[in-house]
Protein backbone atom coordinates (compact mmCIF):
# COMPACT_ATOMS: atom_id res chain seq x y z
CA MET A 1 -124.22 33.69 -8.32
CA PRO A 2 -127.21 33.96 -10.69
CA ASP A 3 -126.21 30.87 -12.70
CA LEU A 4 -126.01 28.76 -9.55
CA SER A 5 -129.43 30.03 -8.50
CA ASP A 6 -130.90 29.18 -11.90
CA GLN A 7 -129.53 25.63 -11.68
CA PHE A 8 -130.63 24.95 -8.10
CA TYR A 9 -133.16 22.23 -8.95
CA LEU A 10 -130.98 20.74 -11.68
CA ARG A 11 -128.13 20.29 -9.19
CA LEU A 12 -130.34 18.94 -6.41
CA GLU A 13 -129.45 15.35 -5.56
CA PRO A 14 -132.48 13.11 -6.17
CA PHE A 15 -133.75 10.43 -3.80
CA THR A 16 -135.45 7.15 -4.71
CA ASP A 17 -136.89 5.81 -1.43
CA PHE A 18 -140.23 7.56 -1.01
CA ALA A 19 -140.47 6.33 2.58
CA THR A 20 -137.88 9.00 3.46
CA VAL A 21 -140.04 11.84 2.11
CA GLY A 22 -140.72 13.07 5.65
CA ASP A 23 -137.04 13.46 6.57
CA VAL A 24 -137.18 17.24 6.88
CA GLU A 25 -133.45 17.66 7.47
CA ARG A 26 -132.77 16.52 3.90
CA TYR A 27 -134.72 19.36 2.27
CA GLU A 28 -132.88 22.32 0.78
CA THR A 29 -134.03 25.93 0.79
CA VAL A 30 -135.01 27.39 -2.58
CA PRO A 31 -132.94 30.47 -3.56
CA ALA A 32 -134.43 33.80 -2.51
CA ASP A 33 -134.74 35.16 -6.06
CA TRP A 34 -137.06 32.39 -7.28
CA VAL A 35 -140.76 32.93 -8.00
CA ILE A 36 -143.86 30.77 -7.55
CA LEU A 37 -146.02 30.59 -10.67
CA ALA A 38 -149.48 29.69 -9.40
CA ALA A 39 -152.69 28.85 -11.26
CA ASP A 40 -156.12 27.90 -9.97
CA ILE A 41 -159.51 27.45 -11.63
CA VAL A 42 -161.97 29.89 -10.11
CA ARG A 43 -165.15 28.22 -8.79
CA SER A 44 -163.85 24.81 -9.72
CA ARG A 45 -166.46 23.20 -7.45
CA ASP A 46 -169.16 24.40 -9.87
CA ALA A 47 -167.39 22.66 -12.75
CA ILE A 48 -166.91 19.53 -10.63
CA GLU A 49 -170.59 19.41 -9.72
CA ALA A 50 -171.41 19.79 -13.42
CA GLY A 51 -169.36 16.65 -14.16
CA ARG A 52 -166.49 18.52 -15.85
CA TYR A 53 -163.61 17.37 -13.65
CA LYS A 54 -161.74 15.84 -16.59
CA GLU A 55 -161.63 19.29 -18.17
CA VAL A 56 -160.54 20.78 -14.85
CA ASN A 57 -157.72 18.22 -14.59
CA LEU A 58 -156.63 18.86 -18.17
CA ILE A 59 -156.36 22.62 -17.61
CA GLY A 60 -154.36 22.01 -14.41
CA ALA A 61 -151.96 19.77 -16.30
CA ALA A 62 -151.84 22.27 -19.20
CA VAL A 63 -150.38 24.83 -16.78
CA ILE A 64 -147.45 22.51 -16.13
CA SER A 65 -146.89 21.45 -19.73
CA ALA A 66 -147.05 25.04 -21.05
CA VAL A 67 -144.44 26.33 -18.61
CA LEU A 68 -142.11 23.33 -18.94
CA ASN A 69 -142.29 23.44 -22.75
CA GLN A 70 -141.45 27.14 -22.62
CA VAL A 71 -138.58 27.16 -20.11
CA GLY A 72 -137.36 23.53 -19.96
CA ARG A 73 -138.28 20.76 -17.55
CA GLU A 74 -134.87 20.04 -16.01
CA ASN A 75 -134.81 22.96 -13.59
CA VAL A 76 -138.46 23.71 -12.86
CA PRO A 77 -140.13 21.87 -9.97
CA PHE A 78 -143.91 21.57 -10.20
CA VAL A 79 -146.88 20.30 -8.21
CA PHE A 80 -150.19 19.25 -9.78
CA GLY A 81 -153.19 20.11 -7.61
CA GLY A 82 -156.15 18.76 -9.59
CA ASP A 83 -157.81 22.12 -10.28
CA GLY A 84 -154.57 24.00 -10.78
CA ALA A 85 -150.83 23.76 -10.36
CA MET A 86 -147.80 25.51 -8.94
CA LEU A 87 -144.31 25.77 -10.36
CA LEU A 88 -141.13 27.26 -8.93
CA VAL A 89 -139.01 29.09 -11.49
CA PRO A 90 -135.59 30.75 -11.33
CA PRO A 91 -135.35 34.47 -12.15
CA GLY A 92 -134.25 33.87 -15.72
CA ALA A 93 -137.44 31.93 -16.49
CA VAL A 94 -140.03 34.18 -14.85
CA ASP A 95 -141.03 36.24 -17.89
CA ALA A 96 -141.32 33.21 -20.17
CA GLY A 97 -143.30 31.36 -17.52
CA LYS A 98 -145.71 34.25 -17.10
CA ILE A 99 -146.31 34.38 -20.85
CA ALA A 100 -147.03 30.64 -20.85
CA LEU A 101 -149.53 30.95 -17.98
CA ALA A 102 -151.28 33.89 -19.61
CA GLY A 103 -151.69 31.73 -22.70
CA VAL A 104 -153.27 28.87 -20.74
CA GLN A 105 -155.55 31.38 -19.01
CA ARG A 106 -156.86 32.58 -22.36
CA LEU A 107 -157.09 29.06 -23.76
CA ALA A 108 -159.09 27.84 -20.75
CA ALA A 109 -161.60 30.64 -21.17
CA GLU A 110 -161.99 30.22 -24.93
CA GLU A 111 -162.05 26.41 -25.15
CA THR A 112 -163.76 25.41 -21.89
CA GLY A 113 -165.33 28.55 -20.46
CA LEU A 114 -163.36 28.00 -17.24
CA SER A 115 -161.75 30.97 -15.52
CA LEU A 116 -158.11 30.37 -14.62
CA ARG A 117 -156.50 32.79 -12.17
CA THR A 118 -152.71 33.04 -12.54
CA ALA A 119 -150.11 34.83 -10.45
CA ALA A 120 -146.35 35.19 -10.04
CA ILE A 121 -145.54 35.38 -6.32
CA PRO A 122 -141.91 36.09 -5.34
CA LEU A 123 -140.38 33.93 -2.62
CA THR A 124 -139.43 37.17 -0.88
CA GLU A 125 -143.15 37.79 -0.36
CA ILE A 126 -143.61 34.28 1.03
CA ARG A 127 -140.71 34.62 3.45
CA SER A 128 -141.72 38.09 4.58
CA ASN A 129 -144.95 36.47 5.77
CA GLY A 130 -143.24 33.78 7.82
CA ALA A 131 -143.34 30.80 5.45
CA ASP A 132 -140.66 29.14 3.34
CA VAL A 133 -140.18 26.73 0.44
CA CYS A 134 -137.74 23.83 0.79
CA LEU A 135 -137.36 21.05 -1.76
CA ARG A 136 -136.30 17.50 -2.37
CA LYS A 137 -136.34 15.85 -5.79
CA TYR A 138 -137.94 12.41 -5.99
CA GLU A 139 -136.74 10.29 -8.91
CA LEU A 140 -139.45 8.26 -10.60
CA SER A 141 -136.91 7.00 -13.11
CA PRO A 142 -133.77 8.51 -14.68
CA GLY A 143 -134.76 11.96 -15.96
CA ASN A 144 -138.25 11.90 -14.40
CA TYR A 145 -138.65 13.81 -11.16
CA LEU A 146 -141.34 15.06 -8.84
CA ALA A 147 -140.76 17.93 -6.42
CA MET A 148 -141.46 17.34 -2.73
CA VAL A 149 -142.06 20.59 -0.84
CA ILE A 150 -142.20 21.66 2.81
CA GLY A 151 -142.09 24.98 4.64
CA GLY A 152 -145.66 26.24 4.26
CA GLY A 153 -144.80 28.41 1.27
CA LEU A 154 -147.04 26.73 -1.28
CA GLU A 155 -149.94 26.73 1.15
CA LEU A 156 -149.46 30.46 1.67
CA ALA A 157 -149.18 31.01 -2.09
CA ASP A 158 -152.46 29.14 -2.56
CA ARG A 159 -154.12 31.34 0.07
CA ILE A 160 -152.83 34.48 -1.66
CA LEU A 161 -153.96 33.25 -5.08
CA LYS A 162 -157.51 32.54 -3.94
CA ASP A 163 -157.94 35.91 -2.23
CA GLU A 164 -158.84 38.61 -4.78
CA GLY A 165 -157.33 41.37 -2.67
CA LEU A 166 -154.10 39.61 -1.67
CA CYS A 167 -153.30 38.33 -5.15
CA LYS A 168 -153.94 41.60 -7.01
CA PRO A 169 -150.28 42.80 -6.95
CA PHE A 170 -149.10 39.45 -8.35
CA LEU A 171 -151.67 38.73 -11.05
CA ILE A 172 -150.28 37.93 -14.47
CA ASP A 173 -151.33 40.37 -17.19
CA PRO A 174 -153.65 38.58 -19.66
CA ALA A 175 -152.32 40.85 -22.41
CA MET A 176 -149.06 38.85 -22.28
CA ALA A 177 -150.84 35.80 -23.70
CA VAL A 178 -149.61 33.92 -26.73
CA GLU A 179 -150.78 30.47 -27.76
CA PRO A 180 -149.21 28.06 -25.24
CA ASP A 181 -147.08 25.13 -26.34
CA LEU A 182 -148.88 22.07 -24.94
CA GLU A 183 -146.96 19.45 -26.89
CA GLY A 184 -146.98 16.15 -25.00
CA LEU A 185 -150.18 16.81 -23.06
CA SER A 186 -152.90 14.19 -23.49
CA CYS A 187 -155.94 12.71 -21.72
CA ARG A 188 -156.63 9.53 -23.67
CA TRP A 189 -156.84 6.90 -20.93
CA GLU A 190 -160.19 5.82 -19.56
CA PRO A 191 -160.83 6.41 -15.84
CA LEU A 192 -158.93 3.88 -13.73
CA PRO A 193 -161.51 1.73 -11.91
CA SER A 194 -161.08 0.76 -8.29
CA GLU A 195 -160.07 -2.87 -7.84
CA ARG A 196 -160.97 -3.00 -4.15
CA GLY A 197 -164.11 -0.89 -4.18
CA LYS A 198 -163.27 2.78 -3.63
CA VAL A 199 -160.68 5.35 -4.69
CA LEU A 200 -159.68 7.58 -1.78
CA SER A 201 -158.10 10.99 -2.40
CA LEU A 202 -156.48 11.84 0.92
CA ILE A 203 -154.61 14.92 2.16
CA LEU A 204 -153.09 14.78 5.62
CA ARG A 205 -150.57 16.58 7.77
CA PRO A 206 -149.19 15.83 11.24
CA SER A 207 -149.98 18.56 13.77
CA GLU A 208 -147.07 20.57 15.07
CA GLY A 209 -146.21 19.26 18.51
CA GLY A 210 -148.69 16.41 18.13
CA GLY A 211 -146.04 13.74 18.41
CA GLU A 212 -146.81 12.22 15.00
CA SER A 213 -144.60 11.94 11.91
CA LEU A 214 -145.36 10.93 8.35
CA ARG A 215 -143.60 7.62 9.02
CA SER A 216 -145.75 6.82 12.06
CA ILE A 217 -148.96 7.83 10.26
CA ALA A 218 -147.98 5.72 7.23
CA ALA A 219 -147.37 2.77 9.57
CA ASP A 220 -150.85 3.21 11.03
CA ILE A 221 -152.40 3.37 7.56
CA GLU A 222 -150.46 0.26 6.52
CA HIS A 223 -151.88 -1.60 9.52
CA ILE A 224 -155.40 -0.66 8.39
CA VAL A 225 -155.20 -1.17 4.61
CA GLY A 226 -152.57 -3.90 4.43
CA PHE A 227 -149.97 -2.06 2.36
CA ASP A 228 -147.50 0.77 2.92
CA PRO A 229 -148.94 3.91 1.25
CA LEU A 230 -145.38 5.20 0.87
CA GLY A 231 -144.07 1.90 -0.50
CA GLU A 232 -143.13 0.63 -3.93
CA THR A 233 -145.38 -2.45 -4.13
CA ASP A 234 -148.11 -3.00 -6.73
CA SER A 235 -150.64 -2.67 -3.91
CA ALA A 236 -149.45 0.88 -3.23
CA ASN A 237 -149.18 1.90 -6.90
CA HIS A 238 -152.47 3.25 -8.13
CA VAL A 239 -151.76 2.57 -11.78
CA THR A 240 -151.49 -1.12 -12.62
CA ARG A 241 -151.70 -2.92 -15.95
CA ASP A 242 -155.04 -4.47 -14.97
CA ARG A 243 -156.59 -1.04 -14.36
CA LEU A 244 -155.49 0.55 -17.62
CA ARG A 245 -158.27 0.95 -20.16
CA PHE A 246 -158.04 2.47 -23.64
CA ARG A 247 -161.00 2.95 -25.97
CA PHE A 248 -161.30 4.34 -29.47
CA PRO A 249 -161.89 7.11 -29.91
CA PRO A 250 -160.73 8.31 -26.47
CA ARG A 251 -163.44 10.29 -24.66
CA GLY A 252 -161.21 13.32 -24.17
CA LEU A 253 -159.77 13.38 -27.67
CA GLY A 254 -162.02 16.17 -28.94
CA LEU A 255 -160.99 18.56 -26.18
CA GLU A 256 -157.34 17.61 -26.59
CA ILE A 257 -157.48 18.35 -30.31
CA ARG A 258 -159.13 21.74 -29.73
CA MET A 259 -156.58 22.74 -27.11
CA LEU A 260 -153.40 21.51 -28.77
CA SER A 261 -154.12 22.43 -32.37
CA ARG A 262 -154.58 26.16 -31.87
CA THR A 263 -151.09 26.95 -33.15
CA GLY A 264 -151.38 24.74 -36.22
CA ASN A 265 -153.74 22.85 -38.46
CA ARG A 266 -156.61 21.28 -36.48
CA PHE A 267 -157.23 18.58 -39.08
CA ALA A 268 -153.55 17.62 -39.18
CA TYR A 269 -153.32 17.42 -35.40
CA GLY A 270 -156.55 15.43 -35.26
CA ALA A 271 -155.25 12.95 -37.81
CA LYS A 272 -152.01 12.61 -35.83
CA ALA A 273 -153.91 12.06 -32.57
CA VAL A 274 -156.17 9.44 -34.16
CA PHE A 275 -153.15 7.61 -35.61
CA GLN A 276 -151.40 7.66 -32.22
CA SER A 277 -154.52 6.28 -30.55
CA LEU A 278 -154.80 3.47 -33.10
CA ALA A 279 -151.07 2.74 -32.74
CA THR A 280 -151.53 2.49 -28.97
CA ILE A 281 -154.32 -0.06 -29.37
CA TRP A 282 -152.32 -2.00 -31.97
CA GLY A 283 -149.27 -2.07 -29.74
CA PHE A 284 -151.19 -3.29 -26.71
CA VAL A 285 -153.00 -6.00 -28.69
CA THR A 286 -149.95 -7.30 -30.56
CA GLY A 287 -147.12 -6.32 -28.23
CA LEU A 288 -145.26 -4.96 -31.27
CA SER A 289 -143.41 -1.64 -31.27
CA VAL A 290 -144.78 1.26 -33.28
CA GLY A 291 -141.98 3.75 -33.92
CA PRO A 292 -140.53 4.77 -30.53
CA PHE A 293 -143.55 3.28 -28.70
CA ARG A 294 -142.61 -0.03 -27.07
CA PRO A 295 -145.78 -1.32 -25.39
CA ALA A 296 -144.24 -3.70 -22.85
CA ARG A 297 -141.72 -1.13 -21.63
CA TYR A 298 -144.26 1.67 -21.59
CA LEU A 299 -146.75 -0.33 -19.52
CA GLN A 300 -144.00 -1.10 -17.04
CA GLU A 301 -142.97 2.55 -16.83
CA ILE A 302 -146.43 4.09 -16.62
CA CYS A 303 -147.15 2.19 -13.39
CA ARG A 304 -144.27 4.04 -11.71
CA HIS A 305 -144.21 7.42 -13.49
CA THR A 306 -147.17 8.80 -11.54
CA ASP A 307 -147.78 11.39 -8.82
CA HIS A 308 -150.31 9.33 -6.83
CA ARG A 309 -148.29 10.20 -3.70
CA LYS A 310 -146.56 13.51 -3.11
CA LEU A 311 -145.68 15.99 -0.40
CA ASP A 312 -146.40 19.69 -0.85
CA ASP A 313 -146.70 20.91 2.74
CA SER A 314 -149.27 18.11 3.19
CA LEU A 315 -149.04 14.49 2.11
CA ARG A 316 -151.37 13.77 -0.80
CA LEU A 317 -152.32 10.18 -1.62
CA VAL A 318 -154.63 8.46 -4.07
CA LEU A 319 -155.39 5.01 -2.67
CA ASP A 320 -157.47 2.04 -3.78
CA VAL A 321 -159.24 0.59 -0.73
CA SER A 322 -162.16 -1.65 0.16
CA MET A 323 -165.25 -0.24 1.85
CA GLU A 324 -164.21 -1.95 5.08
CA GLN A 325 -160.72 -0.43 4.87
CA LEU A 326 -162.21 2.98 4.09
CA ASN A 327 -164.45 2.87 7.16
CA ALA A 328 -161.59 1.78 9.41
CA LEU A 329 -159.30 4.44 7.98
CA THR A 330 -161.95 7.14 8.43
CA ASP A 331 -162.38 6.11 12.07
CA TYR A 332 -158.62 6.31 12.59
CA LEU A 333 -158.34 9.74 10.95
CA ASP A 334 -161.31 11.11 12.91
CA GLU A 335 -159.83 9.92 16.19
CA ALA A 336 -156.39 11.32 15.35
CA PHE A 337 -157.97 14.64 14.33
CA ARG A 338 -159.97 14.91 17.54
CA ALA A 339 -156.78 14.19 19.50
CA ARG A 340 -155.11 17.01 17.47
CA ARG A 341 -152.44 14.63 16.18
CA LEU A 342 -153.15 15.46 12.53
CA ASN A 343 -155.44 17.28 10.12
CA TYR A 344 -156.87 15.68 7.02
CA GLY A 345 -159.24 16.05 4.09
CA MET A 346 -160.66 13.31 1.90
CA HIS A 347 -162.84 12.51 -1.09
CA VAL A 348 -164.19 9.12 -2.14
CA SER A 349 -165.04 8.00 -5.67
CA ASP A 350 -165.21 4.80 -7.71
CA SER A 351 -162.35 5.57 -10.08
CA ALA A 352 -159.36 7.79 -10.75
CA LEU A 353 -158.38 10.02 -13.66
CA MET A 354 -155.01 10.08 -15.37
CA THR A 355 -153.70 13.00 -17.41
CA CYS A 356 -150.39 12.53 -19.20
CA PHE A 357 -147.43 14.70 -20.12
CA MET A 358 -144.98 12.96 -22.45
CA THR A 359 -141.91 14.75 -23.73
CA ASP A 360 -140.06 11.79 -25.27
CA ILE A 361 -141.72 8.39 -25.03
CA GLY A 362 -138.78 6.71 -26.76
CA ALA A 363 -136.45 7.98 -24.02
CA SER A 364 -138.96 7.11 -21.26
CA GLN A 365 -139.60 10.79 -20.50
CA HIS A 366 -143.22 10.88 -19.38
CA VAL A 367 -145.13 11.77 -16.20
CA HIS A 368 -148.75 10.98 -15.36
CA PHE A 369 -150.96 13.04 -13.05
CA ILE A 370 -153.37 10.97 -10.94
CA ASP A 371 -156.49 12.29 -9.25
CA GLY A 372 -159.70 10.83 -7.90
CA ALA A 373 -162.72 11.20 -10.18
CA ASN A 374 -165.51 13.69 -9.48
CA GLY A 375 -163.44 16.11 -7.44
CA GLY A 376 -160.57 14.11 -6.01
CA LEU A 377 -157.79 16.18 -4.50
CA SER A 378 -159.63 19.46 -5.10
CA VAL A 379 -162.54 18.40 -2.89
CA ALA A 380 -160.15 16.82 -0.39
CA ALA A 381 -158.31 20.16 -0.16
CA SER A 382 -161.57 21.98 0.63
CA ASP A 383 -162.36 19.37 3.28
CA PHE A 384 -158.86 19.83 4.75
CA LYS A 385 -159.28 23.60 4.95
CA GLN A 386 -162.69 23.39 6.57
CA ARG A 387 -161.40 20.99 9.21
CA LYS A 388 -158.38 23.22 9.82
CA ALA A 389 -160.58 26.32 10.20
CA ALA A 390 -162.72 24.52 12.77
CA THR A 391 -159.71 24.09 15.07
CA SER A 392 -158.07 27.50 14.63
């Protein structure tokens, strides 16, 4: 029934133990009438090399916030990719989602000069080409979820999106664009510095028939770095209270104001953003609540409400490691790759970036997208693809 299809993600039972993310038998197949909304910044490596990765991240997060604000967040799974994003939408939300993406495409071009390619790819197309999309719903906290995805469908959608010929039938018409609703999107935190020395953006996947599983690989990584990358400890969490830095005015505030004030008064939005930034500083210094903002609770929540680990066909991790741990981990990954036990891609930087999407801070409804600075997961994905191509 259409209504059951529309509510597939809403009805999906969440899980809370991330260590079970690789239990493939627990994933459920997405209904056949759903559509993948995909967005990717064209030539993002050029922007990265020009030092504009914060802008790239913000546009990627804008894709998610625009669609969720348009169609509702409860029944739309999403995956943030650093230089783009993918969302799965039920049939009743496709048109609204396409309008939202067209709006972000126009906004990206006008405010940043970045070219955002957007497409709506039916799951029927994915399945006719031998891939699938199966989901689990990971609960960060009540009401906050991240989609975990297997089946090869998102990887195929990414390949279609980045091929000008293959994606042509699915491209979203730019003429559909209206100003997107980006309420809740912000980029006010300073880069999160590494505490151990280096921030590693890592993408890995066990080889089919290679005898490895995500659990066994995670156990190997834990032996090398001293903490379980799939665990819930402070060592595994990339965002900690000691790493959080807030300055006034925030470095990204000007871009945020330009992007989010297009549907209203720029001065009024700017004044609101400045007040919120000052209230954040006041709350952190004094510990006192400012309206719905309760500093102690928020700091506790923000450390968990992040996507620093996720599964979307490949496991994606942002880890804080020492140089010694990084070298040992690289040796392990190289050996496992040569033995065809896994494929991987990586990028190393000194800090991580955090882009936020807050729908109701008073009700603890906020999610934070984590990525390594200076390329992060985008560069790691390119590294992954090059290594994969070398063995195919």
